[in-house]
Structures are given as structure tokens and as C-alpha cells.
N, C-alpha and C. Protein backbone atom coordinates (compact mmCIF):
# COMPACT_ATOMS: atom_id res chain seq x y z
N VAL A 1 -17.51 18.25 19.15
CA VAL A 1 -17.66 17.06 18.36
C VAL A 1 -17.67 15.79 18.61
N GLN A 2 -18.49 15.12 18.07
CA GLN A 2 -19.28 13.48 18.37
C GLN A 2 -19.01 12.56 16.44
N LEU A 3 -18.22 11.98 17.32
CA LEU A 3 -17.45 10.45 16.38
C LEU A 3 -18.32 9.22 16.18
N GLN A 4 -18.92 9.17 15.28
CA GLN A 4 -19.47 7.34 15.12
C GLN A 4 -18.84 6.56 14.19
N ALA A 5 -18.04 5.41 15.43
CA ALA A 5 -17.38 4.53 14.67
C ALA A 5 -17.90 3.26 13.71
N SER A 6 -18.19 2.94 12.70
CA SER A 6 -19.06 1.54 12.13
C SER A 6 -17.72 0.85 11.50
N GLY A 7 -18.30 -0.19 11.21
CA GLY A 7 -17.29 -1.35 10.27
C GLY A 7 -16.92 -2.38 10.74
N GLY A 8 -17.14 -2.28 12.06
CA GLY A 8 -16.66 -3.98 12.90
C GLY A 8 -17.11 -5.36 12.37
N GLY A 9 -16.46 -6.17 12.74
CA GLY A 9 -17.60 -7.21 12.32
C GLY A 9 -16.56 -8.53 12.67
N LEU A 10 -16.82 -9.77 12.20
CA LEU A 10 -16.24 -10.90 12.54
C LEU A 10 -16.05 -11.25 11.23
N VAL A 11 -14.30 -11.46 11.14
CA VAL A 11 -13.76 -11.91 9.95
C VAL A 11 -12.64 -12.59 10.01
N GLN A 12 -12.46 -13.92 8.99
CA GLN A 12 -11.30 -14.73 9.46
C GLN A 12 -10.12 -14.06 8.93
N ALA A 13 -9.11 -15.35 9.67
CA ALA A 13 -7.86 -14.49 9.41
C ALA A 13 -7.17 -14.34 8.00
N GLY A 14 -6.85 -13.17 7.46
CA GLY A 14 -6.62 -13.31 5.81
C GLY A 14 -7.11 -11.87 5.61
N GLY A 15 -8.33 -11.96 6.11
CA GLY A 15 -9.80 -11.51 5.59
C GLY A 15 -9.26 -9.67 5.66
N SER A 16 -10.03 -8.74 5.20
CA SER A 16 -10.49 -7.46 5.01
C SER A 16 -11.43 -6.97 5.61
N LEU A 17 -11.27 -5.67 6.36
CA LEU A 17 -12.55 -4.60 6.37
C LEU A 17 -12.19 -3.34 6.69
N ARG A 18 -13.37 -2.75 6.45
CA ARG A 18 -12.61 -0.93 6.41
C ARG A 18 -13.99 -0.51 7.34
N LEU A 19 -13.35 0.49 8.49
CA LEU A 19 -13.82 1.18 9.05
C LEU A 19 -14.13 2.65 8.88
N SER A 20 -15.12 3.14 9.17
CA SER A 20 -15.45 4.20 8.81
C SER A 20 -15.66 5.05 10.56
N CYS A 21 -15.46 6.01 10.41
CA CYS A 21 -16.01 7.09 11.32
C CYS A 21 -16.42 8.59 10.85
N ALA A 22 -17.72 8.53 11.39
CA ALA A 22 -18.34 10.26 10.92
C ALA A 22 -18.57 11.13 12.03
N ALA A 23 -17.96 12.40 11.42
CA ALA A 23 -17.66 13.40 12.63
C ALA A 23 -19.05 14.08 12.46
N SER A 24 -19.06 14.92 13.40
CA SER A 24 -20.32 15.77 13.40
C SER A 24 -19.82 17.00 14.05
N VAL A 25 -19.32 17.73 13.00
CA VAL A 25 -18.67 18.86 12.73
C VAL A 25 -18.47 19.77 12.00
N ARG A 26 -18.69 20.94 11.69
CA ARG A 26 -18.46 22.05 10.50
C ARG A 26 -17.19 21.94 10.19
N THR A 27 -16.00 21.91 10.40
CA THR A 27 -14.80 21.81 10.31
C THR A 27 -14.35 20.69 10.98
N PHE A 28 -14.49 19.55 9.97
CA PHE A 28 -13.68 18.19 10.44
C PHE A 28 -12.14 18.67 9.69
N SER A 29 -12.38 19.07 8.86
CA SER A 29 -10.80 19.89 8.40
C SER A 29 -9.69 20.25 9.67
N ASP A 30 -10.08 20.55 10.18
CA ASP A 30 -9.29 21.34 11.55
C ASP A 30 -8.61 20.67 11.93
N TYR A 31 -8.92 19.02 12.10
CA TYR A 31 -8.90 18.62 12.86
C TYR A 31 -7.70 17.19 12.55
N ALA A 32 -6.75 17.20 12.90
CA ALA A 32 -6.00 15.47 13.39
C ALA A 32 -7.06 14.30 13.76
N ALA A 33 -6.96 12.90 13.01
CA ALA A 33 -7.93 12.08 13.85
C ALA A 33 -7.22 10.29 13.71
N GLY A 34 -7.35 9.73 14.43
CA GLY A 34 -7.02 8.69 14.29
C GLY A 34 -7.84 7.30 15.04
N TRP A 35 -7.27 6.12 14.77
CA TRP A 35 -7.72 5.01 15.13
C TRP A 35 -7.11 4.40 16.22
N PHE A 36 -7.57 4.13 17.32
CA PHE A 36 -6.56 3.31 18.35
C PHE A 36 -7.56 2.07 19.02
N ARG A 37 -6.79 0.97 19.18
CA ARG A 37 -7.54 0.03 19.77
C ARG A 37 -7.35 -0.77 21.45
N GLN A 38 -8.43 -1.46 21.51
CA GLN A 38 -8.12 -1.96 22.85
C GLN A 38 -8.38 -3.63 22.59
N ALA A 39 -7.37 -4.30 23.35
CA ALA A 39 -7.59 -5.48 23.03
C ALA A 39 -8.17 -5.82 24.53
N PRO A 40 -8.81 -6.83 24.95
CA PRO A 40 -9.19 -7.49 26.22
C PRO A 40 -8.17 -7.81 27.07
N GLY A 41 -8.27 -6.83 28.19
CA GLY A 41 -7.21 -6.84 29.54
C GLY A 41 -5.49 -6.17 29.14
N LYS A 42 -5.77 -5.45 27.81
CA LYS A 42 -4.88 -4.88 27.69
C LYS A 42 -5.04 -2.78 27.45
N GLU A 43 -3.86 -2.26 27.50
CA GLU A 43 -4.22 -0.59 27.33
C GLU A 43 -4.49 -0.39 25.85
N ARG A 44 -5.44 0.99 25.50
CA ARG A 44 -5.75 1.24 24.73
C ARG A 44 -4.31 1.78 23.92
N GLU A 45 -4.09 1.09 22.55
CA GLU A 45 -2.75 1.61 22.13
C GLU A 45 -3.39 2.17 20.44
N PHE A 46 -2.10 2.74 20.21
CA PHE A 46 -2.47 3.46 18.69
C PHE A 46 -2.84 2.44 17.36
N VAL A 47 -3.10 3.09 16.42
CA VAL A 47 -3.07 1.94 15.41
C VAL A 47 -2.43 2.88 14.03
N ALA A 48 -3.40 4.32 13.82
CA ALA A 48 -2.68 5.08 12.82
C ALA A 48 -3.50 6.49 13.07
N VAL A 49 -2.87 7.30 11.86
CA VAL A 49 -3.44 8.39 12.76
C VAL A 49 -2.82 9.24 11.23
N ILE A 50 -3.84 10.62 11.20
CA ILE A 50 -3.60 10.98 9.90
C ILE A 50 -3.63 12.32 10.27
N SER A 51 -3.05 13.23 9.62
CA SER A 51 -3.30 15.15 9.46
C SER A 51 -4.18 15.39 9.11
N TRP A 52 -4.68 16.65 9.43
CA TRP A 52 -6.04 17.22 9.13
C TRP A 52 -6.40 17.51 7.80
N SER A 53 -4.65 17.78 7.02
CA SER A 53 -4.71 17.47 5.55
C SER A 53 -4.91 16.44 5.11
N GLY A 54 -4.24 15.04 5.52
CA GLY A 54 -4.49 13.96 5.28
C GLY A 54 -3.09 13.28 4.60
N ARG A 55 -2.25 14.44 4.53
CA ARG A 55 -0.73 14.48 3.62
C ARG A 55 0.35 13.84 4.79
N ILE A 56 -0.28 13.73 5.80
CA ILE A 56 0.65 12.97 7.03
C ILE A 56 -0.20 12.24 7.95
N THR A 57 0.64 10.90 7.66
CA THR A 57 0.09 9.73 8.77
C THR A 57 1.14 9.03 9.31
N TYR A 58 0.63 7.85 10.25
CA TYR A 58 1.55 7.46 11.02
C TYR A 58 0.77 6.21 10.99
N TYR A 59 1.61 5.21 11.26
CA TYR A 59 1.43 3.69 11.29
C TYR A 59 1.88 3.13 12.71
N ALA A 60 1.32 2.48 13.43
CA ALA A 60 2.31 1.62 14.63
C ALA A 60 2.89 0.08 13.82
N ASP A 61 3.83 -0.27 14.56
CA ASP A 61 4.58 -1.10 13.45
C ASP A 61 4.05 -2.34 12.72
N SER A 62 3.05 -2.57 14.37
CA SER A 62 2.33 -4.09 13.42
C SER A 62 1.08 -3.94 12.60
N VAL A 63 0.60 -3.15 12.38
CA VAL A 63 0.08 -2.45 11.14
C VAL A 63 0.54 -2.21 9.97
N LYS A 64 1.68 -2.02 9.55
CA LYS A 64 2.26 -1.26 8.97
C LYS A 64 2.54 -2.03 7.28
N GLY A 65 1.79 -1.44 6.51
CA GLY A 65 2.02 -2.66 5.02
C GLY A 65 0.53 -3.09 5.32
N ARG A 66 -0.37 -2.79 5.94
CA ARG A 66 -1.30 -3.74 6.35
C ARG A 66 -2.51 -2.83 6.32
N PHE A 67 -2.65 -2.28 6.99
CA PHE A 67 -3.58 -0.81 7.26
C PHE A 67 -3.41 0.08 6.57
N THR A 68 -4.27 1.07 5.96
CA THR A 68 -4.22 2.25 5.62
C THR A 68 -5.54 3.27 6.13
N ILE A 69 -4.79 4.53 6.74
CA ILE A 69 -5.59 5.56 6.51
C ILE A 69 -5.94 5.86 6.44
N SER A 70 -7.63 6.76 5.63
CA SER A 70 -7.14 7.91 5.11
C SER A 70 -8.63 9.21 5.25
N ARG A 71 -8.79 10.03 4.91
CA ARG A 71 -10.04 10.86 5.03
C ARG A 71 -10.34 11.50 3.88
N ASP A 72 -12.06 11.70 4.27
CA ASP A 72 -12.89 12.62 3.00
C ASP A 72 -13.58 13.98 3.85
N ASN A 73 -12.45 14.64 3.91
CA ASN A 73 -12.75 16.00 4.89
C ASN A 73 -14.37 16.39 4.32
N ALA A 74 -14.88 16.01 3.02
CA ALA A 74 -16.41 16.82 2.34
C ALA A 74 -17.25 16.17 2.86
N LYS A 75 -17.00 14.72 3.52
CA LYS A 75 -17.85 13.92 3.91
C LYS A 75 -17.77 13.73 5.47
N ASN A 76 -16.98 14.43 6.27
CA ASN A 76 -16.16 14.52 7.76
C ASN A 76 -16.11 13.30 7.84
N THR A 77 -15.48 12.64 6.91
CA THR A 77 -15.18 10.46 7.20
C THR A 77 -13.65 10.34 7.77
N VAL A 78 -13.34 10.11 8.28
CA VAL A 78 -12.04 8.99 8.35
C VAL A 78 -12.19 7.54 8.23
N TYR A 79 -11.66 6.66 7.29
CA TYR A 79 -11.53 5.47 6.95
C TYR A 79 -10.25 4.65 7.69
N LEU A 80 -10.27 3.60 8.28
CA LEU A 80 -9.37 2.32 8.24
C LEU A 80 -9.70 1.31 7.68
N GLN A 81 -8.74 0.97 6.13
CA GLN A 81 -8.74 -0.38 5.72
C GLN A 81 -8.03 -1.20 5.82
N MET A 82 -8.09 -2.42 6.23
CA MET A 82 -7.85 -3.15 7.46
C MET A 82 -7.60 -4.82 6.33
N ASN A 83 -6.56 -5.22 5.56
CA ASN A 83 -6.05 -6.09 5.37
C ASN A 83 -5.03 -7.09 5.75
N SER A 84 -5.20 -8.30 5.39
CA SER A 84 -4.74 -9.13 5.53
C SER A 84 -4.54 -9.46 7.53
N LEU A 85 -5.59 -9.67 7.61
CA LEU A 85 -5.90 -9.24 9.39
C LEU A 85 -6.13 -10.47 9.55
N LYS A 86 -5.14 -10.18 11.46
CA LYS A 86 -4.47 -11.27 12.04
C LYS A 86 -5.25 -11.84 13.27
N PRO A 87 -5.65 -12.65 13.85
CA PRO A 87 -6.11 -12.43 14.79
C PRO A 87 -5.84 -11.94 16.16
N GLU A 88 -4.48 -11.53 16.40
CA GLU A 88 -3.83 -10.52 17.30
C GLU A 88 -4.41 -8.96 17.27
N ASP A 89 -5.18 -8.86 15.67
CA ASP A 89 -5.87 -7.84 15.55
C ASP A 89 -7.06 -7.14 16.29
N THR A 90 -7.85 -8.53 16.98
CA THR A 90 -8.85 -8.39 17.61
C THR A 90 -9.19 -7.78 18.84
N ALA A 91 -10.03 -6.66 18.69
CA ALA A 91 -10.07 -5.45 19.71
C ALA A 91 -11.31 -4.66 19.11
N VAL A 92 -11.18 -3.55 20.57
CA VAL A 92 -12.47 -2.72 20.14
C VAL A 92 -11.71 -1.57 19.50
N TYR A 93 -12.24 -0.85 18.47
CA TYR A 93 -11.15 -0.22 17.72
C TYR A 93 -12.01 1.28 17.67
N TYR A 94 -11.35 2.19 18.40
CA TYR A 94 -12.11 3.66 18.57
C TYR A 94 -11.59 4.64 17.12
N CYS A 95 -12.49 5.82 16.58
CA CYS A 95 -11.63 6.63 16.54
C CYS A 95 -11.68 8.00 17.64
N ALA A 96 -10.95 8.74 17.17
CA ALA A 96 -10.50 9.82 17.74
C ALA A 96 -10.30 10.68 16.98
N ALA A 97 -10.34 12.46 17.58
CA ALA A 97 -10.10 13.18 16.75
C ALA A 97 -9.43 14.42 17.96
N ARG A 98 -8.66 15.28 17.52
CA ARG A 98 -7.77 16.70 17.86
C ARG A 98 -7.46 17.74 16.91
N ARG A 99 -7.42 18.69 17.64
CA ARG A 99 -6.68 19.73 16.88
C ARG A 99 -5.73 20.38 17.13
N PRO A 100 -4.65 21.22 16.92
CA PRO A 100 -5.08 20.70 15.24
C PRO A 100 -3.73 19.80 15.05
N VAL A 101 -2.54 19.52 15.52
CA VAL A 101 -1.37 18.66 15.08
C VAL A 101 -1.45 17.15 15.23
N VAL A 102 -1.40 16.35 14.53
CA VAL A 102 -1.27 15.01 14.56
C VAL A 102 -0.71 14.59 15.36
N THR A 103 -0.52 13.49 16.62
CA THR A 103 0.16 12.82 17.32
C THR A 103 -0.38 11.33 17.58
N THR A 104 0.37 10.38 17.99
CA THR A 104 0.36 8.98 18.10
C THR A 104 0.05 8.76 19.35
N THR A 105 -0.09 9.74 20.47
CA THR A 105 -0.18 9.31 21.94
C THR A 105 -2.02 9.72 22.16
N PRO A 106 -2.42 8.07 22.54
CA PRO A 106 -3.96 8.35 22.87
C PRO A 106 -4.15 9.57 23.78
N ASN A 107 -3.75 9.96 24.75
CA ASN A 107 -4.48 10.63 26.03
C ASN A 107 -4.23 12.29 25.34
N ASP A 108 -3.84 12.62 23.72
CA ASP A 108 -3.70 13.86 23.25
C ASP A 108 -4.75 14.55 22.87
N TYR A 109 -5.71 13.32 22.55
CA TYR A 109 -7.12 13.27 21.93
C TYR A 109 -8.32 13.85 22.43
N ASP A 110 -8.98 14.37 22.14
CA ASP A 110 -9.93 14.91 22.99
C ASP A 110 -11.26 14.45 22.97
N TYR A 111 -11.52 13.94 21.60
CA TYR A 111 -13.19 13.27 21.16
C TYR A 111 -12.52 12.25 20.39
N TRP A 112 -13.98 10.94 21.13
CA TRP A 112 -13.77 9.88 20.92
C TRP A 112 -15.53 9.34 20.63
N GLY A 113 -14.87 8.60 19.44
CA GLY A 113 -16.25 7.96 19.05
C GLY A 113 -16.34 6.50 20.26
N GLN A 114 -17.37 5.64 20.17
CA GLN A 114 -17.61 4.83 20.81
C GLN A 114 -17.26 3.35 20.65
N GLY A 115 -16.94 3.35 19.58
CA GLY A 115 -15.52 1.90 19.35
C GLY A 115 -16.78 0.78 18.40
N THR A 116 -15.74 0.44 17.73
CA THR A 116 -16.52 -1.02 16.83
C THR A 116 -15.58 -1.89 17.33
N LEU A 117 -16.12 -3.42 17.39
CA LEU A 117 -15.72 -4.32 17.82
C LEU A 117 -14.74 -5.40 16.02
N VAL A 118 -14.22 -5.36 16.16
CA VAL A 118 -13.20 -5.88 15.48
C VAL A 118 -12.71 -7.60 15.88
N THR A 119 -13.50 -8.40 15.46
CA THR A 119 -12.86 -10.22 16.17
C THR A 119 -12.13 -10.82 14.68
N VAL A 120 -11.24 -11.46 15.25
CA VAL A 120 -10.71 -12.07 13.69
C VAL A 120 -10.41 -13.40 14.40
N SER A 121 -10.98 -14.67 13.09
CA SER A 121 -10.66 -15.54 13.80
C SER A 121 -9.61 -16.68 13.04
N SER A 122 -9.20 -17.39 13.68
CA SER A 122 -8.20 -18.30 13.33
C SER A 122 -8.65 -19.55 12.08
């Protein structure tokens, strides 16, 4: 499984970005997926995850109410809509996939994209 993340960039505080993660696999609907991030000098942390069906989602407390994870299995793509961005959201964002069960632990994920940088200016 190969994952390609895109959509990062520079945005002012309060702005929005939409990240996309395209998977190169025939049966992406077999996989749970998620977004994780890593800020300079910090460990990789959970942001949001979604089950294979899209019915189950989990969010970190720090992004709850501001970020929305979704997926389109017909397009083999997972999205992260980020609104009301804050400077502390600045990080490299990674998408990841695993099967079959969704979890919030980064080490549980077997497949990782290359990361996309999100920078939020104050």
C-alpha cells in the first residue's frame, strides 16, 4: 500500500486547509486510515482516524470541533478538513493505514505516506 499526502501549505491563524491522502491499493475499503502529525522536537501524535466504512471516527481533543476526517473509498482517498487553524497546529502531517480495526496509536499503523507540511502563522 502506498499513500500520497497532499494539501499542506502556509495559512494564517483562523484559516482553513484540506489535506488529501490517496492510496494505491485495490481494496482501500479494507483499511482503517488516519492522520497524525509531528511538530519540530516533538513525537508523532494522533490527530484523527476513521474506520474502513467511515462510520467510526476519533479525534484528538486538541482538534475536536475544528478538524473533520472523511473518506471516499471509490476514490481511494482520505481527507482532513482543518478549520480555525492555530499556530500550534503547525507540523508535518502524515496519513497512515492499517487493517482491519481503527486505532489511535501511531505504532499500530503499517503504511505511511511521506508527510505534508502545514504552517500556521500568527
